[in-house]
Amino acid sequence: MTGSREASMIEGDWQARAQQRKRRLYIIIAILFGMGLFSGFLVGFFEKDDSGLMAQGSIPPEIAIITTVIFGIAITFGAVRFHRSSDELERRNMLYAAAMAGNVALAGYPTWFILWKGGLVSEPDALALFGTAYLVHITAYFWYKFR
C-alpha cells in the first residue's frame, strides 16, 4: 500500500530532477554566452578602426584563429551538452527548427544564385543567407515551443 508520504516523495524527486535539468541548461547557455561575448570582445578590440564592418583582413590572423577555435568548441560543447540536458520534446523542437533553417539555406542560395545569373538581384551574400537561416531557426523554434 502506497501512502501519501511515498507519493509526495516521488513527486518531489521528479520536481527536483526537473529543476536540476533546468539549472544545468541555464549554466550551459551562460557558458556559451560567455564564450560568444569573449570572442566578440576580441574581434571588437583588435579590429582596425579604419576598416568597415565587412572588410577582409580587418582583424589580426591570430585573433581570427582564436575566435574560430572558441566558436568550434562552443558549437561542439553546446550541442552535446544541450542534447544531454534537454528532454525529448525540446530536442524535437530544436531538430524541426534546424531543419527549417537548413532548408532555407539550401533553397535560398541556389534561388538567389540563379536570379543573380539572370541579372535580377545582387550577388549572393553569405552573411544575409546566414542571418536569414538563423532568424528562421529562432522563429521556428519558438513557433514549435509555444504553439
Protein backbone atom coordinates (compact mmCIF):
# COMPACT_ATOMS: atom_id res chain seq x y z
CA MET A 1 0.00 0.00 0.00
CA THR A 2 1.38 3.35 -1.04
CA GLY A 3 0.98 6.12 1.43
CA SER A 4 0.70 9.78 0.62
CA ARG A 5 4.17 10.31 2.08
CA GLU A 6 5.72 7.99 -0.52
CA ALA A 7 3.73 9.60 -3.33
CA SER A 8 4.85 13.07 -2.32
CA MET A 9 8.47 11.89 -2.16
CA ILE A 10 8.23 10.54 -5.71
CA GLU A 11 6.66 13.75 -6.96
CA GLY A 12 9.25 15.80 -5.06
CA ASP A 13 12.02 13.73 -6.65
CA TRP A 14 10.60 14.41 -10.12
CA GLN A 15 10.37 18.12 -9.40
CA ALA A 16 13.93 18.22 -8.07
CA ARG A 17 15.25 16.48 -11.19
CA ALA A 18 13.34 18.91 -13.44
CA GLN A 19 14.82 21.86 -11.53
CA GLN A 20 18.33 20.38 -11.81
CA ARG A 21 17.90 19.86 -15.55
CA LYS A 22 16.68 23.44 -15.99
CA ARG A 23 19.59 24.75 -13.92
CA ARG A 24 22.09 22.73 -15.98
CA LEU A 25 20.58 24.09 -19.18
CA TYR A 26 20.88 27.69 -17.91
CA ILE A 27 24.51 27.07 -16.93
CA ILE A 28 25.25 25.72 -20.41
CA ILE A 29 23.60 28.74 -22.02
CA ALA A 30 25.55 31.09 -19.72
CA ILE A 31 28.86 29.41 -20.60
CA LEU A 32 28.10 29.60 -24.33
CA PHE A 33 27.03 33.23 -23.96
CA GLY A 34 30.30 33.98 -22.15
CA MET A 35 32.33 32.31 -24.89
CA GLY A 36 30.50 34.36 -27.53
CA LEU A 37 30.93 37.54 -25.51
CA PHE A 38 34.66 36.90 -25.16
CA SER A 39 35.00 36.22 -28.90
CA GLY A 40 33.07 39.36 -29.76
CA PHE A 41 35.22 41.38 -27.37
CA LEU A 42 38.40 40.07 -29.01
CA VAL A 43 37.17 40.90 -32.50
CA GLY A 44 35.92 44.35 -31.48
CA PHE A 45 39.06 45.20 -29.51
CA PHE A 46 41.55 44.16 -32.20
CA GLU A 47 39.61 45.33 -35.25
CA LYS A 48 41.27 48.13 -37.19
CA ASP A 49 39.50 51.43 -36.66
CA ASP A 50 39.52 52.47 -40.32
CA SER A 51 38.04 49.23 -41.67
CA GLY A 52 34.39 48.65 -42.40
CA LEU A 53 32.19 46.02 -40.81
CA MET A 54 32.57 43.65 -43.77
CA ALA A 55 36.21 44.40 -44.64
CA GLN A 56 38.51 41.47 -45.23
CA GLY A 57 41.65 41.42 -43.10
CA SER A 58 40.25 43.83 -40.51
CA ILE A 59 41.44 41.71 -37.56
CA PRO A 60 44.81 40.03 -36.99
CA PRO A 61 45.02 36.41 -38.22
CA GLU A 62 45.80 35.17 -34.69
CA ILE A 63 42.57 36.66 -33.36
CA ALA A 64 40.64 35.10 -36.24
CA ILE A 65 42.12 31.69 -35.40
CA ILE A 66 41.46 32.07 -31.66
CA THR A 67 37.84 33.11 -32.17
CA THR A 68 37.29 30.33 -34.72
CA VAL A 69 38.61 27.75 -32.23
CA ILE A 70 36.39 29.22 -29.48
CA PHE A 71 33.42 29.05 -31.85
CA GLY A 72 34.16 25.41 -32.77
CA ILE A 73 34.46 24.42 -29.12
CA ALA A 74 31.28 26.30 -28.22
CA ILE A 75 29.27 24.70 -31.02
CA THR A 76 30.54 21.20 -30.25
CA PHE A 77 30.29 21.56 -26.46
CA GLY A 78 26.96 23.32 -26.69
CA ALA A 79 25.36 20.77 -28.99
CA VAL A 80 26.47 17.78 -26.93
CA ARG A 81 25.63 19.29 -23.54
CA PHE A 82 22.32 20.74 -24.73
CA HIS A 83 21.34 17.36 -26.18
CA ARG A 84 22.16 15.60 -22.92
CA SER A 85 20.42 18.18 -20.75
CA SER A 86 17.19 18.56 -22.70
CA ASP A 87 14.16 16.33 -22.84
CA GLU A 88 12.75 14.70 -25.96
CA LEU A 89 10.27 17.49 -26.65
CA GLU A 90 13.00 20.14 -26.51
CA ARG A 91 15.21 18.05 -28.80
CA ARG A 92 12.33 17.63 -31.25
CA ASN A 93 11.68 21.38 -31.31
CA MET A 94 15.36 22.08 -31.99
CA LEU A 95 15.51 19.40 -34.68
CA TYR A 96 12.50 20.82 -36.51
CA ALA A 97 13.83 24.36 -36.22
CA ALA A 98 17.25 23.31 -37.51
CA ALA A 99 15.62 21.51 -40.43
CA MET A 100 13.64 24.63 -41.31
CA ALA A 101 16.77 26.80 -41.18
CA GLY A 102 18.73 24.28 -43.23
CA ASN A 103 16.00 24.17 -45.85
CA VAL A 104 16.03 27.97 -46.10
CA ALA A 105 19.80 27.98 -46.61
CA LEU A 106 19.72 25.06 -49.08
CA ALA A 107 16.91 26.54 -51.15
CA GLY A 108 17.86 30.19 -50.66
CA TYR A 109 21.36 30.11 -52.13
CA PRO A 110 20.54 28.36 -55.43
CA THR A 111 17.48 30.56 -55.90
CA TRP A 112 19.45 33.72 -55.24
CA PHE A 113 22.32 32.47 -57.44
CA ILE A 114 20.04 31.80 -60.44
CA LEU A 115 18.31 35.17 -60.03
CA TRP A 116 21.75 36.81 -59.87
CA LYS A 117 22.84 34.99 -63.01
CA GLY A 118 19.75 36.45 -64.67
CA GLY A 119 20.72 39.95 -63.57
CA LEU A 120 17.68 40.37 -61.34
CA VAL A 121 19.34 40.65 -57.92
CA SER A 122 22.75 41.44 -56.45
CA GLU A 123 25.39 38.76 -55.93
CA PRO A 124 24.52 36.23 -53.19
CA ASP A 125 25.72 37.35 -49.78
CA ALA A 126 26.79 34.71 -47.24
CA LEU A 127 26.04 36.94 -44.25
CA ALA A 128 22.50 37.63 -45.47
CA LEU A 129 21.91 33.90 -46.03
CA PHE A 130 23.31 33.03 -42.61
CA GLY A 131 21.26 35.75 -40.92
CA THR A 132 18.09 34.64 -42.66
CA ALA A 133 18.67 30.99 -41.76
CA TYR A 134 19.39 31.97 -38.16
CA LEU A 135 16.27 34.11 -37.97
CA VAL A 136 14.19 31.25 -39.39
CA HIS A 137 15.74 28.87 -36.84
CA ILE A 138 14.85 31.12 -33.92
CA THR A 139 11.34 31.81 -35.25
CA ALA A 140 10.65 28.12 -35.95
CA TYR A 141 11.98 27.09 -32.55
CA PHE A 142 9.66 29.48 -30.72
CA TRP A 143 6.79 28.51 -33.01
CA TYR A 144 7.18 24.81 -32.14
CA LYS A 145 7.82 25.54 -28.47
CA PHE A 146 4.81 27.78 -27.84
CA ARG A 147 2.19 26.67 -30.34
